[in-house]
Amino acid sequence: MADVPSHHLIYGKLADFLTGEPLVDTDDERIRQEIARMLVKERGYARDEIVPRLKIETMFNHTFVVSKIDFAVRLAGRIFLIIRYGPGSLVTRERPAVAAARVLLPEYRIPLAAVTNGRDAELLDTSGGKVLARGMEAIPARDEAERMLPGLEFLPGLSGERAEREKRILNAFDLEICCAGGPCALPGAPEG
């Protein structure tokens, strides 16, 4: 691990609920693990239908940013939903979640995105950015998602200037400035 001061309390290691791999144990990671358990135990998804810890890397104006997609949920061979966790207000997380869903995959735009702080959530239509539902129950259960799937529109992937615009949004919104005044999540940092 890098010798980088951290603004996260690190409690040690924990085992990822979905994969079993060891992860740095922080307050935020504990909430992500609760969300993973909810997806499996309450919402009915199989562990292998949930892909954890995807990322989109961007570099604009000499600023490198790693945008995290905490969970991507797949049914019928396609990712139909991404879930992004962050503490605090959900409203400020809506636009970067939509941007991430639009550029994560080159083949198609993911039709749904959810933002959550672990206590509340919003489900978003990524074609227009409209909030479809609020509350933790807004994250669809597997049986509900199966019913929704035929009506979801998997638009072609973005390229060129349109993709770059969405990546610029991610770069701007997901830049983290920590309490020390510098960028957080440095490569190799324990909570990065």
Protein backbone atom coordinates (compact mmCIF):
# COMPACT_ATOMS: atom_id res chain seq x y z
CA MET A 1 0.00 0.00 0.00
CA ALA A 2 1.12 3.55 -0.69
CA ASP A 3 2.21 5.70 2.22
CA VAL A 4 -0.54 8.26 1.68
CA PRO A 5 -2.40 10.03 4.46
CA SER A 6 -6.03 9.03 4.46
CA HIS A 7 -9.18 10.89 5.43
CA HIS A 8 -11.05 7.58 5.80
CA LEU A 9 -10.98 5.55 8.99
CA ILE A 10 -9.52 2.20 8.04
CA TYR A 11 -10.54 -0.67 10.30
CA GLY A 12 -8.50 -3.37 8.57
CA LYS A 13 -9.81 -5.77 5.94
CA LEU A 14 -13.21 -7.28 5.17
CA ALA A 15 -14.34 -9.96 2.74
CA ASP A 16 -16.40 -8.77 -0.21
CA PHE A 17 -19.93 -10.21 0.07
CA LEU A 18 -20.17 -10.90 -3.68
CA THR A 19 -16.69 -12.20 -4.51
CA GLY A 20 -15.04 -13.03 -1.20
CA GLU A 21 -11.99 -10.95 -2.12
CA PRO A 22 -10.37 -8.94 0.69
CA LEU A 23 -11.14 -5.22 0.66
CA VAL A 24 -10.07 -2.27 2.79
CA ASP A 25 -12.61 -1.93 5.61
CA THR A 26 -13.95 1.64 5.74
CA ASP A 27 -17.31 3.10 6.70
CA ASP A 28 -18.14 3.61 3.01
CA GLU A 29 -17.15 0.04 2.13
CA ARG A 30 -19.37 -1.29 4.91
CA ILE A 31 -22.32 0.54 3.35
CA ARG A 32 -21.44 -0.84 -0.10
CA GLN A 33 -21.45 -4.33 1.41
CA GLU A 34 -24.91 -3.68 2.92
CA ILE A 35 -26.13 -2.66 -0.55
CA ALA A 36 -24.68 -5.86 -2.05
CA ARG A 37 -26.40 -7.97 0.64
CA MET A 38 -29.68 -6.12 -0.03
CA LEU A 39 -29.43 -6.84 -3.77
CA VAL A 40 -28.99 -10.57 -3.13
CA LYS A 41 -31.00 -11.25 0.03
CA GLU A 42 -33.89 -8.77 -0.38
CA ARG A 43 -34.01 -8.03 -4.10
CA GLY A 44 -33.38 -11.61 -5.26
CA TYR A 45 -30.42 -11.21 -7.62
CA ALA A 46 -27.85 -13.98 -7.90
CA ARG A 47 -24.35 -12.94 -6.91
CA ASP A 48 -23.10 -13.56 -10.45
CA GLU A 49 -25.70 -11.12 -11.83
CA ILE A 50 -23.98 -8.28 -9.96
CA VAL A 51 -20.62 -6.95 -11.14
CA PRO A 52 -18.88 -4.90 -8.44
CA ARG A 53 -16.29 -2.12 -8.67
CA LEU A 54 -16.26 -1.11 -12.30
CA LYS A 55 -14.58 2.15 -13.20
CA ILE A 56 -14.24 4.73 -15.91
CA GLU A 57 -10.93 6.62 -16.12
CA THR A 58 -10.83 10.10 -17.60
CA MET A 59 -8.16 12.73 -18.16
CA PHE A 60 -9.11 16.30 -19.03
CA ASN A 61 -7.12 19.49 -18.38
CA HIS A 62 -4.30 17.43 -16.82
CA THR A 63 -6.74 16.05 -14.24
CA PHE A 64 -6.98 12.28 -13.94
CA VAL A 65 -10.20 11.01 -12.36
CA VAL A 66 -11.41 7.49 -11.63
CA SER A 67 -15.22 7.33 -11.64
CA LYS A 68 -16.50 4.33 -9.71
CA ILE A 69 -19.53 2.28 -10.58
CA ASP A 70 -20.17 0.36 -7.38
CA PHE A 71 -22.48 -2.24 -8.95
CA ALA A 72 -23.62 -3.17 -12.44
CA VAL A 73 -26.64 -5.48 -12.53
CA ARG A 74 -27.05 -7.89 -15.43
CA LEU A 75 -30.08 -9.84 -16.64
CA ALA A 76 -30.49 -11.78 -19.89
CA GLY A 77 -26.84 -11.19 -20.72
CA ARG A 78 -26.99 -7.38 -20.58
CA ILE A 79 -26.25 -4.81 -17.92
CA PHE A 80 -29.50 -2.92 -17.45
CA LEU A 81 -28.70 -0.99 -14.25
CA ILE A 82 -25.74 0.62 -12.58
CA ILE A 83 -25.71 1.64 -8.93
CA ARG A 84 -23.47 4.37 -7.58
CA TYR A 85 -23.04 4.93 -3.85
CA GLY A 86 -21.98 8.18 -2.22
CA PRO A 87 -22.66 9.73 1.17
CA GLY A 88 -24.86 12.79 1.41
CA SER A 89 -27.17 14.37 -1.15
CA LEU A 90 -28.49 12.29 -4.04
CA VAL A 91 -29.37 15.23 -6.29
CA THR A 92 -25.71 16.05 -6.95
CA ARG A 93 -25.05 12.43 -7.91
CA GLU A 94 -27.78 12.14 -10.56
CA ARG A 95 -25.98 13.67 -13.56
CA PRO A 96 -22.68 11.78 -13.18
CA ALA A 97 -24.61 8.50 -12.73
CA VAL A 98 -26.44 9.15 -16.01
CA ALA A 99 -23.13 10.00 -17.70
CA ALA A 100 -21.52 6.80 -16.39
CA ALA A 101 -24.41 4.68 -17.67
CA ARG A 102 -24.10 6.30 -21.08
CA VAL A 103 -20.36 5.60 -21.55
CA LEU A 104 -19.49 2.57 -19.42
CA LEU A 105 -20.00 0.15 -22.31
CA PRO A 106 -19.08 0.87 -25.93
CA GLU A 107 -21.84 -1.42 -27.30
CA TYR A 108 -24.88 0.22 -25.70
CA ARG A 109 -26.05 2.76 -23.17
CA ILE A 110 -27.25 1.23 -19.92
CA PRO A 111 -30.92 2.27 -19.57
CA LEU A 112 -31.16 2.64 -15.77
CA ALA A 113 -28.97 4.13 -13.06
CA ALA A 114 -29.52 4.30 -9.33
CA VAL A 115 -27.83 6.62 -6.87
CA THR A 116 -27.86 5.85 -3.18
CA ASN A 117 -26.36 7.04 0.09
CA GLY A 118 -27.26 3.75 1.78
CA ARG A 119 -30.42 5.15 3.37
CA ASP A 120 -32.18 6.63 0.36
CA ALA A 121 -32.03 6.05 -3.39
CA GLU A 122 -33.24 7.36 -6.72
CA LEU A 123 -33.80 5.34 -9.89
CA LEU A 124 -33.00 7.28 -13.07
CA ASP A 125 -33.90 6.83 -16.71
CA THR A 126 -30.55 7.43 -18.41
CA SER A 127 -31.92 8.49 -21.79
CA GLY A 128 -33.36 11.70 -20.35
CA GLY A 129 -32.09 11.77 -16.77
CA LYS A 130 -35.59 11.69 -15.27
CA VAL A 131 -36.04 10.38 -11.72
CA LEU A 132 -38.37 7.38 -12.02
CA ALA A 133 -38.68 6.48 -8.34
CA ARG A 134 -37.34 7.43 -4.90
CA GLY A 135 -36.50 5.42 -1.80
CA MET A 136 -34.44 2.27 -1.35
CA GLU A 137 -37.35 0.29 -2.81
CA ALA A 138 -36.77 2.23 -6.07
CA ILE A 139 -33.91 -0.16 -6.80
CA PRO A 140 -35.89 -2.85 -8.64
CA ALA A 141 -36.12 -6.39 -7.31
CA ARG A 142 -35.13 -9.12 -9.75
CA ASP A 143 -38.71 -10.15 -10.59
CA GLU A 144 -39.66 -6.51 -11.18
CA ALA A 145 -36.55 -6.03 -13.36
CA GLU A 146 -37.52 -9.06 -15.46
CA ARG A 147 -40.91 -7.44 -16.11
CA MET A 148 -39.26 -4.11 -16.94
CA LEU A 149 -36.60 -5.56 -19.24
CA PRO A 150 -38.68 -5.86 -22.45
CA GLY A 151 -39.65 -2.19 -22.20
CA LEU A 152 -36.13 -0.87 -21.58
CA GLU A 153 -34.36 0.80 -24.47
CA PHE A 154 -30.71 -0.17 -24.93
CA LEU A 155 -29.60 2.69 -27.17
CA PRO A 156 -26.40 2.35 -29.23
CA GLY A 157 -23.17 3.28 -27.49
CA LEU A 158 -21.88 6.82 -27.70
CA SER A 159 -18.71 7.74 -29.54
CA GLY A 160 -16.79 10.80 -30.56
CA GLU A 161 -17.83 14.18 -29.21
CA ARG A 162 -20.98 12.87 -27.48
CA ALA A 163 -18.99 10.29 -25.49
CA GLU A 164 -16.34 12.87 -24.67
CA ARG A 165 -18.99 15.25 -23.33
CA GLU A 166 -20.29 12.58 -20.91
CA LYS A 167 -16.74 11.72 -19.83
CA ARG A 168 -16.04 15.40 -19.15
CA ILE A 169 -19.09 15.44 -16.88
CA LEU A 170 -17.71 12.45 -14.98
CA ASN A 171 -14.29 14.06 -14.74
CA ALA A 172 -15.74 17.28 -13.30
CA PHE A 173 -18.28 15.73 -10.92
CA ASP A 174 -16.14 12.86 -9.65
CA LEU A 175 -12.96 14.81 -8.89
CA GLU A 176 -12.38 14.40 -5.18
CA ILE A 177 -10.62 17.04 -3.13
CA CYS A 178 -9.93 15.76 0.35
CA CYS A 179 -9.44 17.56 3.61
CA ALA A 180 -5.70 17.89 2.86
CA GLY A 181 -6.55 20.00 -0.22
CA GLY A 182 -5.36 17.54 -2.85
CA PRO A 183 -6.98 14.89 -5.02
CA CYS A 184 -8.07 11.73 -3.25
CA ALA A 185 -8.05 8.13 -4.43
CA LEU A 186 -4.48 8.35 -5.60
CA PRO A 187 -3.37 5.19 -7.40
CA GLY A 188 -2.34 2.73 -4.70
CA ALA A 189 -3.98 4.60 -1.82
CA PRO A 190 -5.68 2.14 0.56
CA GLU A 191 -9.18 3.49 -0.05
CA GLY A 192 -8.61 4.41 -3.73
